[in-house]
Amino acid sequence: MKIKTDFPYRIREIENTWIPLADGTRLAARIWLPEDAEQNPVPALLEYLPYRKSDGTAVRDALRHPYFAGHGYASIRVDMRGSGDSDGILY
C-alpha cells in the first residue's frame, strides 16, 4: 500500500488537548492542522466518536487526518463525552 506523505501544507499535530465544556467536563481531542493555521484561519473537520482516540482508531487516524491537514483543513478527532479519554457520562 502506498501512503501519500507530501502535501501542499506542512502539518502540526497536537496529540493531546482538552476542550472544556460549560459544566466543567473536558473532552479529549487530537488535532492536526496546517502549520500556519493559527495565523491564517482554516476550515475545520470534526470527527466525534465514542472510541478512545489513542486506541483502536489511532492507526487509521494517523493516516487520514494528516491528509486533510496537509490540504489546508484543521482536522479534529474528539472522544465523545463519557467515552475514551473524555470526562463525564455518555448519554
PDB file of N, CA and C in Angstrom:
ATOM      1  N   MET A   1       0.847  -1.179   0.000  1.00  0.00           N
ATOM      2  CA  MET A   1       0.000   0.000   0.000  1.00  0.00           C
ATOM      3  C   MET A   1       0.888   1.237   0.000  1.00  0.00           C
ATOM      4  N   LYS A   2       0.574   2.158  -0.874  1.00  0.00           N
ATOM      5  CA  LYS A   2       1.295   3.425  -0.915  1.00  0.00           C
ATOM      6  C   LYS A   2       0.533   4.443  -0.089  1.00  0.00           C
ATOM      7  N   ILE A   3       1.270   5.221   0.683  1.00  0.00           N
ATOM      8  CA  ILE A   3       0.661   6.260   1.517  1.00  0.00           C
ATOM      9  C   ILE A   3       1.286   7.596   1.151  1.00  0.00           C
ATOM     10  N   LYS A   4       0.461   8.546   0.811  1.00  0.00           N
ATOM     11  CA  LYS A   4       0.942   9.873   0.435  1.00  0.00           C
ATOM     12  C   LYS A   4       1.416  10.619   1.677  1.00  0.00           C
ATOM     13  N   THR A   5       2.615  11.174   1.603  1.00  0.00           N
ATOM     14  CA  THR A   5       3.158  11.923   2.742  1.00  0.00           C
ATOM     15  C   THR A   5       3.632  13.319   2.358  1.00  0.00           C
ATOM     16  N   ASP A   6       3.588  13.656   1.080  1.00  0.00           N
ATOM     17  CA  ASP A   6       3.957  15.011   0.670  1.00  0.00           C
ATOM     18  C   ASP A   6       2.673  15.767   0.331  1.00  0.00           C
ATOM     19  N   PHE A   7       2.491  16.889   1.021  1.00  0.00           N
ATOM     20  CA  PHE A   7       1.246  17.647   0.918  1.00  0.00           C
ATOM     21  C   PHE A   7       1.541  19.119   0.625  1.00  0.00           C
ATOM     22  N   PRO A   8       0.552  19.864   0.148  1.00  0.00           N
ATOM     23  CA  PRO A   8       0.751  21.295  -0.107  1.00  0.00           C
ATOM     24  C   PRO A   8       1.086  22.101   1.156  1.00  0.00           C
ATOM     25  N   TYR A   9       0.620  21.638   2.332  1.00  0.00           N
ATOM     26  CA  TYR A   9       0.859  22.353   3.592  1.00  0.00           C
ATOM     27  C   TYR A   9       1.644  21.470   4.552  1.00  0.00           C
ATOM     28  N   ARG A  10       2.553  22.091   5.298  1.00  0.00           N
ATOM     29  CA  ARG A  10       3.228  21.382   6.386  1.00  0.00           C
ATOM     30  C   ARG A  10       2.221  21.198   7.517  1.00  0.00           C
ATOM     31  N   ILE A  11       2.379  20.130   8.291  1.00  0.00           N
ATOM     32  CA  ILE A  11       1.386  19.745   9.297  1.00  0.00           C
ATOM     33  C   ILE A  11       1.920  19.915  10.709  1.00  0.00           C
ATOM     34  N   ARG A  12       1.066  20.427  11.567  1.00  0.00           N
ATOM     35  CA  ARG A  12       1.336  20.492  13.004  1.00  0.00           C
ATOM     36  C   ARG A  12       0.318  19.587  13.690  1.00  0.00           C
ATOM     37  N   GLU A  13       0.794  18.726  14.592  1.00  0.00           N
ATOM     38  CA  GLU A  13      -0.102  17.832  15.325  1.00  0.00           C
ATOM     39  C   GLU A  13      -0.067  18.163  16.809  1.00  0.00           C
ATOM     40  N   ILE A  14      -1.245  18.254  17.404  1.00  0.00           N
ATOM     41  CA  ILE A  14      -1.387  18.407  18.854  1.00  0.00           C
ATOM     42  C   ILE A  14      -1.993  17.090  19.319  1.00  0.00           C
ATOM     43  N   GLU A  15      -1.163  16.220  19.896  1.00  0.00           N
ATOM     44  CA  GLU A  15      -1.597  14.852  20.191  1.00  0.00           C
ATOM     45  C   GLU A  15      -2.632  14.774  21.307  1.00  0.00           C
ATOM     46  N   ASN A  16      -2.470  15.586  22.334  1.00  0.00           N
ATOM     47  CA  ASN A  16      -3.408  15.559  23.464  1.00  0.00           C
ATOM     48  C   ASN A  16      -3.790  16.975  23.864  1.00  0.00           C
ATOM     49  N   THR A  17      -5.065  17.280  23.760  1.00  0.00           N
ATOM     50  CA  THR A  17      -5.561  18.572  24.219  1.00  0.00           C
ATOM     51  C   THR A  17      -6.965  18.362  24.782  1.00  0.00           C
ATOM     52  N   TRP A  18      -7.425  19.328  25.540  1.00  0.00           N
ATOM     53  CA  TRP A  18      -8.742  19.245  26.182  1.00  0.00           C
ATOM     54  C   TRP A  18      -9.644  20.355  25.668  1.00  0.00           C
ATOM     55  N   ILE A  19     -10.905  20.022  25.474  1.00  0.00           N
ATOM     56  CA  ILE A  19     -11.926  21.007  25.117  1.00  0.00           C
ATOM     57  C   ILE A  19     -12.831  21.143  26.336  1.00  0.00           C
ATOM     58  N   PRO A  20     -12.771  22.299  27.038  1.00  0.00           N
ATOM     59  CA  PRO A  20     -13.592  22.463  28.242  1.00  0.00           C
ATOM     60  C   PRO A  20     -15.042  22.791  27.886  1.00  0.00           C
ATOM     61  N   LEU A  21     -15.975  22.177  28.604  1.00  0.00           N
ATOM     62  CA  LEU A  21     -17.401  22.458  28.436  1.00  0.00           C
ATOM     63  C   LEU A  21     -17.885  23.335  29.588  1.00  0.00           C
ATOM     64  N   ALA A  22     -19.036  23.950  29.422  1.00  0.00           N
ATOM     65  CA  ALA A  22     -19.572  24.888  30.415  1.00  0.00           C
ATOM     66  C   ALA A  22     -19.749  24.264  31.798  1.00  0.00           C
ATOM     67  N   ASP A  23     -20.042  22.955  31.860  1.00  0.00           N
ATOM     68  CA  ASP A  23     -20.264  22.304  33.159  1.00  0.00           C
ATOM     69  C   ASP A  23     -18.978  21.773  33.796  1.00  0.00           C
ATOM     70  N   GLY A  24     -17.827  22.083  33.196  1.00  0.00           N
ATOM     71  CA  GLY A  24     -16.545  21.642  33.738  1.00  0.00           C
ATOM     72  C   GLY A  24     -16.033  20.338  33.149  1.00  0.00           C
ATOM     73  N   THR A  25     -16.868  19.637  32.404  1.00  0.00           N
ATOM     74  CA  THR A  25     -16.448  18.409  31.732  1.00  0.00           C
ATOM     75  C   THR A  25     -15.420  18.759  30.660  1.00  0.00           C
ATOM     76  N   ARG A  26     -14.438  17.879  30.463  1.00  0.00           N
ATOM     77  CA  ARG A  26     -13.427  18.094  29.432  1.00  0.00           C
ATOM     78  C   ARG A  26     -13.498  16.968  28.404  1.00  0.00           C
ATOM     79  N   LEU A  27     -13.462  17.354  27.136  1.00  0.00           N
ATOM     80  CA  LEU A  27     -13.425  16.376  26.058  1.00  0.00           C
ATOM     81  C   LEU A  27     -11.983  16.240  25.580  1.00  0.00           C
ATOM     82  N   ALA A  28     -11.528  14.997  25.431  1.00  0.00           N
ATOM     83  CA  ALA A  28     -10.177  14.729  24.949  1.00  0.00           C
ATOM     84  C   ALA A  28     -10.155  14.852  23.428  1.00  0.00           C
ATOM     85  N   ALA A  29      -9.119  15.497  22.899  1.00  0.00           N
ATOM     86  CA  ALA A  29      -9.030  15.692  21.457  1.00  0.00           C
ATOM     87  C   ALA A  29      -7.595  15.566  20.970  1.00  0.00           C
ATOM     88  N   ARG A  30      -7.486  15.238  19.706  1.00  0.00           N
ATOM     89  CA  ARG A  30      -6.211  15.219  18.987  1.00  0.00           C
ATOM     90  C   ARG A  30      -6.442  16.061  17.745  1.00  0.00           C
ATOM     91  N   ILE A  31      -5.504  16.950  17.435  1.00  0.00           N
ATOM     92  CA  ILE A  31      -5.707  17.915  16.356  1.00  0.00           C
ATOM     93  C   ILE A  31      -4.536  17.875  15.376  1.00  0.00           C
ATOM     94  N   TRP A  32      -4.864  17.883  14.102  1.00  0.00           N
ATOM     95  CA  TRP A  32      -3.886  18.049  13.034  1.00  0.00           C
ATOM     96  C   TRP A  32      -4.293  19.320  12.298  1.00  0.00           C
ATOM     97  N   LEU A  33      -3.332  20.181  11.989  1.00  0.00           N
ATOM     98  CA  LEU A  33      -3.678  21.396  11.274  1.00  0.00           C
ATOM     99  C   LEU A  33      -2.515  21.861  10.429  1.00  0.00           C
ATOM    100  N   PRO A  34      -2.796  22.675   9.408  1.00  0.00           N
ATOM    101  CA  PRO A  34      -1.702  23.262   8.652  1.00  0.00           C
ATOM    102  C   PRO A  34      -0.834  24.086   9.602  1.00  0.00           C
ATOM    103  N   GLU A  35       0.468  24.056   9.387  1.00  0.00           N
ATOM    104  CA  GLU A  35       1.407  24.670  10.316  1.00  0.00           C
ATOM    105  C   GLU A  35       1.098  26.130  10.644  1.00  0.00           C
ATOM    106  N   ASP A  36       0.600  26.896   9.692  1.00  0.00           N
ATOM    107  CA  ASP A  36       0.351  28.325   9.937  1.00  0.00           C
ATOM    108  C   ASP A  36      -1.123  28.637  10.233  1.00  0.00           C
ATOM    109  N   ALA A  37      -1.901  27.645  10.625  1.00  0.00           N
ATOM    110  CA  ALA A  37      -3.348  27.830  10.823  1.00  0.00           C
ATOM    111  C   ALA A  37      -3.689  28.832  11.920  1.00  0.00           C
ATOM    112  N   GLU A  38      -2.820  29.005  12.912  1.00  0.00           N
ATOM    113  CA  GLU A  38      -3.125  29.979  13.968  1.00  0.00           C
ATOM    114  C   GLU A  38      -3.019  31.409  13.451  1.00  0.00           C
ATOM    115  N   GLN A  39      -2.172  31.649  12.466  1.00  0.00           N
ATOM    116  CA  GLN A  39      -2.051  32.978  11.861  1.00  0.00           C
ATOM    117  C   GLN A  39      -3.021  33.160  10.695  1.00  0.00           C
ATOM    118  N   ASN A  40      -3.328  32.074  10.016  1.00  0.00           N
ATOM    119  CA  ASN A  40      -4.210  32.104   8.851  1.00  0.00           C
ATOM    120  C   ASN A  40      -5.316  31.067   9.050  1.00  0.00           C
ATOM    121  N   PRO A  41      -6.463  31.477   9.603  1.00  0.00           N
ATOM    122  CA  PRO A  41      -7.538  30.529   9.916  1.00  0.00           C
ATOM    123  C   PRO A  41      -7.933  29.662   8.715  1.00  0.00           C
ATOM    124  N   VAL A  42      -8.287  28.414   9.024  1.00  0.00           N
ATOM    125  CA  VAL A  42      -8.671  27.437   8.002  1.00  0.00           C
ATOM    126  C   VAL A  42      -9.989  26.778   8.405  1.00  0.00           C
ATOM    127  N   PRO A  43     -10.701  26.174   7.455  1.00  0.00           N
ATOM    128  CA  PRO A  43     -11.903  25.416   7.815  1.00  0.00           C
ATOM    129  C   PRO A  43     -11.516  24.182   8.628  1.00  0.00           C
ATOM    130  N   ALA A  44     -12.474  23.660   9.379  1.00  0.00           N
ATOM    131  CA  ALA A  44     -12.186  22.507  10.242  1.00  0.00           C
ATOM    132  C   ALA A  44     -13.127  21.346   9.953  1.00  0.00           C
ATOM    133  N   LEU A  45     -12.591  20.146  10.086  1.00  0.00           N
ATOM    134  CA  LEU A  45     -13.359  18.902  10.021  1.00  0.00           C
ATOM    135  C   LEU A  45     -13.355  18.315  11.418  1.00  0.00           C
ATOM    136  N   LEU A  46     -14.515  17.927  11.917  1.00  0.00           N
ATOM    137  CA  LEU A  46     -14.628  17.392  13.273  1.00  0.00           C
ATOM    138  C   LEU A  46     -15.107  15.948  13.217  1.00  0.00           C
ATOM    139  N   GLU A  47     -14.350  15.069  13.854  1.00  0.00           N
ATOM    140  CA  GLU A  47     -14.758  13.672  13.994  1.00  0.00           C
ATOM    141  C   GLU A  47     -15.008  13.440  15.477  1.00  0.00           C
ATOM    142  N   TYR A  48     -16.234  13.085  15.833  1.00  0.00           N
ATOM    143  CA  TYR A  48     -16.688  12.979  17.220  1.00  0.00           C
ATOM    144  C   TYR A  48     -17.167  11.555  17.433  1.00  0.00           C
ATOM    145  N   LEU A  49     -16.334  10.718  18.068  1.00  0.00           N
ATOM    146  CA  LEU A  49     -16.605   9.282  18.156  1.00  0.00           C
ATOM    147  C   LEU A  49     -16.585   8.772  19.591  1.00  0.00           C
ATOM    148  N   PRO A  50     -17.311   7.687  19.866  1.00  0.00           N
ATOM    149  CA  PRO A  50     -17.305   7.100  21.210  1.00  0.00           C
ATOM    150  C   PRO A  50     -16.195   6.061  21.381  1.00  0.00           C
ATOM    151  N   TYR A  51     -15.030   6.332  20.812  1.00  0.00           N
ATOM    152  CA  TYR A  51     -13.897   5.419  20.942  1.00  0.00           C
ATOM    153  C   TYR A  51     -12.692   6.223  21.409  1.00  0.00           C
ATOM    154  N   ARG A  52     -11.795   5.584  22.090  1.00  0.00           N
ATOM    155  CA  ARG A  52     -10.596   6.266  22.597  1.00  0.00           C
ATOM    156  C   ARG A  52      -9.698   6.679  21.426  1.00  0.00           C
ATOM    157  N   LYS A  53      -9.347   7.959  21.370  1.00  0.00           N
ATOM    158  CA  LYS A  53      -8.534   8.474  20.276  1.00  0.00           C
ATOM    159  C   LYS A  53      -7.154   7.854  20.211  1.00  0.00           C
ATOM    160  N   SER A  54      -6.711   7.242  21.310  1.00  0.00           N
ATOM    161  CA  SER A  54      -5.369   6.662  21.346  1.00  0.00           C
ATOM    162  C   SER A  54      -5.374   5.143  21.194  1.00  0.00           C
ATOM    163  N   ASP A  55      -6.516   4.530  20.928  1.00  0.00           N
ATOM    164  CA  ASP A  55      -6.584   3.067  20.827  1.00  0.00           C
ATOM    165  C   ASP A  55      -6.910   2.597  19.409  1.00  0.00           C
ATOM    166  N   GLY A  56      -8.063   1.977  19.265  1.00  0.00           N
ATOM    167  CA  GLY A  56      -8.444   1.289  18.040  1.00  0.00           C
ATOM    168  C   GLY A  56      -8.390   2.090  16.757  1.00  0.00           C
ATOM    169  N   THR A  57      -8.679   3.361  16.800  1.00  0.00           N
ATOM    170  CA  THR A  57      -8.689   4.156  15.567  1.00  0.00           C
ATOM    171  C   THR A  57      -7.389   4.926  15.349  1.00  0.00           C
ATOM    172  N   ALA A  58      -6.415   4.783  16.240  1.00  0.00           N
ATOM    173  CA  ALA A  58      -5.186   5.582  16.178  1.00  0.00           C
ATOM    174  C   ALA A  58      -4.428   5.393  14.863  1.00  0.00           C
ATOM    175  N   VAL A  59      -4.315   4.163  14.387  1.00  0.00           N
ATOM    176  CA  VAL A  59      -3.583   3.907  13.142  1.00  0.00           C
ATOM    177  C   VAL A  59      -4.309   4.553  11.969  1.00  0.00           C
ATOM    178  N   ARG A  60      -5.616   4.359  11.894  1.00  0.00           N
ATOM    179  CA  ARG A  60      -6.414   4.978  10.829  1.00  0.00           C
ATOM    180  C   ARG A  60      -6.334   6.499  10.905  1.00  0.00           C
ATOM    181  N   ASP A  61      -6.444   7.034  12.129  1.00  0.00           N
ATOM    182  CA  ASP A  61      -6.385   8.483  12.327  1.00  0.00           C
ATOM    183  C   ASP A  61      -5.054   9.053  11.848  1.00  0.00           C
ATOM    184  N   ALA A  62      -3.961   8.326  12.111  1.00  0.00           N
ATOM    185  CA  ALA A  62      -2.625   8.794  11.741  1.00  0.00           C
ATOM    186  C   ALA A  62      -2.443   8.872  10.228  1.00  0.00           C
ATOM    187  N   LEU A  63      -3.279   8.195   9.473  1.00  0.00           N
ATOM    188  CA  LEU A  63      -3.231   8.266   8.013  1.00  0.00           C
ATOM    189  C   LEU A  63      -4.202   9.297   7.464  1.00  0.00           C
ATOM    190  N   ARG A  64      -5.413   9.280   7.956  1.00  0.00           N
ATOM    191  CA  ARG A  64      -6.489  10.109   7.402  1.00  0.00           C
ATOM    192  C   ARG A  64      -6.363  11.593   7.772  1.00  0.00           C
ATOM    193  N   HIS A  65      -6.200  11.883   9.035  1.00  0.00           N
ATOM    194  CA  HIS A  65      -6.223  13.283   9.475  1.00  0.00           C
ATOM    195  C   HIS A  65      -5.048  14.116   8.957  1.00  0.00           C
ATOM    196  N   PRO A  66      -3.815  13.594   8.899  1.00  0.00           N
ATOM    197  CA  PRO A  66      -2.741  14.385   8.296  1.00  0.00           C
ATOM    198  C   PRO A  66      -3.016  14.722   6.827  1.00  0.00           C
ATOM    199  N   TYR A  67      -3.696  13.846   6.120  1.00  0.00           N
ATOM    200  CA  TYR A  67      -4.044  14.121   4.727  1.00  0.00           C
ATOM    201  C   TYR A  67      -4.895  15.387   4.636  1.00  0.00           C
ATOM    202  N   PHE A  68      -5.920  15.479   5.482  1.00  0.00           N
ATOM    203  CA  PHE A  68      -6.777  16.669   5.472  1.00  0.00           C
ATOM    204  C   PHE A  68      -5.993  17.915   5.864  1.00  0.00           C
ATOM    205  N   ALA A  69      -5.196  17.813   6.929  1.00  0.00           N
ATOM    206  CA  ALA A  69      -4.399  18.963   7.377  1.00  0.00           C
ATOM    207  C   ALA A  69      -3.413  19.388   6.296  1.00  0.00           C
ATOM    208  N   GLY A  70      -2.839  18.424   5.624  1.00  0.00           N
ATOM    209  CA  GLY A  70      -1.889  18.720   4.560  1.00  0.00           C
ATOM    210  C   GLY A  70      -2.517  19.379   3.349  1.00  0.00           C
ATOM    211  N   HIS A  71      -3.836  19.362   3.290  1.00  0.00           N
ATOM    212  CA  HIS A  71      -4.560  20.022   2.202  1.00  0.00           C
ATOM    213  C   HIS A  71      -5.333  21.257   2.679  1.00  0.00           C
ATOM    214  N   GLY A  72      -4.946  21.789   3.845  1.00  0.00           N
ATOM    215  CA  GLY A  72      -5.477  23.079   4.260  1.00  0.00           C
ATOM    216  C   GLY A  72      -6.635  23.080   5.233  1.00  0.00           C
ATOM    217  N   TYR A  73      -6.934  21.949   5.857  1.00  0.00           N
ATOM    218  CA  TYR A  73      -8.027  21.867   6.827  1.00  0.00           C
ATOM    219  C   TYR A  73      -7.492  21.513   8.209  1.00  0.00           C
ATOM    220  N   ALA A  74      -8.073  22.101   9.240  1.00  0.00           N
ATOM    221  CA  ALA A  74      -7.827  21.595  10.588  1.00  0.00           C
ATOM    222  C   ALA A  74      -8.672  20.336  10.712  1.00  0.00           C
ATOM    223  N   SER A  75      -8.104  19.280  11.261  1.00  0.00           N
ATOM    224  CA  SER A  75      -8.820  18.013  11.407  1.00  0.00           C
ATOM    225  C   SER A  75      -8.774  17.628  12.880  1.00  0.00           C
ATOM    226  N   ILE A  76      -9.938  17.519  13.500  1.00  0.00           N
ATOM    227  CA  ILE A  76     -10.024  17.359  14.952  1.00  0.00           C
ATOM    228  C   ILE A  76     -10.728  16.048  15.273  1.00  0.00           C
ATOM    229  N   ARG A  77     -10.079  15.233  16.085  1.00  0.00           N
ATOM    230  CA  ARG A  77     -10.611  13.921  16.498  1.00  0.00           C
ATOM    231  C   ARG A  77     -10.948  14.017  17.979  1.00  0.00           C
ATOM    232  N   VAL A  78     -12.232  13.931  18.333  1.00  0.00           N
ATOM    233  CA  VAL A  78     -12.683  14.136  19.713  1.00  0.00           C
ATOM    234  C   VAL A  78     -13.343  12.865  20.250  1.00  0.00           C
ATOM    235  N   ASP A  79     -12.953  12.474  21.477  1.00  0.00           N
ATOM    236  CA  ASP A  79     -13.646  11.388  22.175  1.00  0.00           C
ATOM    237  C   ASP A  79     -14.931  11.971  22.759  1.00  0.00           C
ATOM    238  N   MET A  80     -16.069  11.339  22.479  1.00  0.00           N
ATOM    239  CA  MET A  80     -17.354  11.826  22.981  1.00  0.00           C
ATOM    240  C   MET A  80     -17.368  11.889  24.507  1.00  0.00           C
ATOM    241  N   ARG A  81     -18.205  12.748  25.026  1.00  0.00           N
ATOM    242  CA  ARG A  81     -18.411  12.863  26.472  1.00  0.00           C
ATOM    243  C   ARG A  81     -18.667  11.478  27.072  1.00  0.00           C
ATOM    244  N   GLY A  82     -17.914  11.148  28.122  1.00  0.00           N
ATOM    245  CA  GLY A  82     -18.096   9.877  28.812  1.00  0.00           C
ATOM    246  C   GLY A  82     -17.500   8.674  28.105  1.00  0.00           C
ATOM    247  N   SER A  83     -16.730   8.898  27.056  1.00  0.00           N
ATOM    248  CA  SER A  83     -16.100   7.782  26.348  1.00  0.00           C
ATOM    249  C   SER A  83     -14.629   8.093  26.103  1.00  0.00           C
ATOM    250  N   GLY A  84     -13.872   7.060  25.778  1.00  0.00           N
ATOM    251  CA  GLY A  84     -12.457   7.266  25.516  1.00  0.00           C
ATOM    252  C   GLY A  84     -11.774   7.943  26.680  1.00  0.00           C
ATOM    253  N   ASP A  85     -11.003   8.988  26.382  1.00  0.00           N
ATOM    254  CA  ASP A  85     -10.279   9.724  27.418  1.00  0.00           C
ATOM    255  C   ASP A  85     -11.061  10.928  27.947  1.00  0.00           C
ATOM    256  N   SER A  86     -12.259  11.170  27.438  1.00  0.00           N
ATOM    257  CA  SER A  86     -13.051  12.327  27.867  1.00  0.00           C
ATOM    258  C   SER A  86     -13.703  12.097  29.226  1.00  0.00           C
ATOM    259  N   ASP A  87     -13.977  13.206  29.905  1.00  0.00           N
ATOM    260  CA  ASP A  87     -14.679  13.172  31.189  1.00  0.00           C
ATOM    261  C   ASP A  87     -16.178  12.994  30.955  1.00  0.00           C
ATOM    262  N   GLY A  88     -16.905  12.837  32.050  1.00  0.00           N
ATOM    263  CA  GLY A  88     -18.363  12.862  32.000  1.00  0.00           C
ATOM    264  C   GLY A  88     -19.005  11.510  31.794  1.00  0.00           C
ATOM    265  N   ILE A  89     -20.302  11.555  31.533  1.00  0.00           N
ATOM    266  CA  ILE A  89     -21.126  10.364  31.354  1.00  0.00           C
ATOM    267  C   ILE A  89     -21.667  10.362  29.932  1.00  0.00           C
ATOM    268  N   LEU A  90     -21.565   9.219  29.272  1.00  0.00           N
ATOM    269  CA  LEU A  90     -22.101   9.068  27.926  1.00  0.00           C
ATOM    270  C   LEU A  90     -23.616   8.918  28.015  1.00  0.00           C
ATOM    271  N   TYR A  91     -24.343   9.858  27.408  1.00  0.00           N
ATOM    272  CA  TYR A  91     -25.809   9.819  27.449  1.00  0.00           C
ATOM    273  C   TYR A  91     -26.344   9.049  26.279  1.00  0.00           C
TER     274      TYR A  91
END
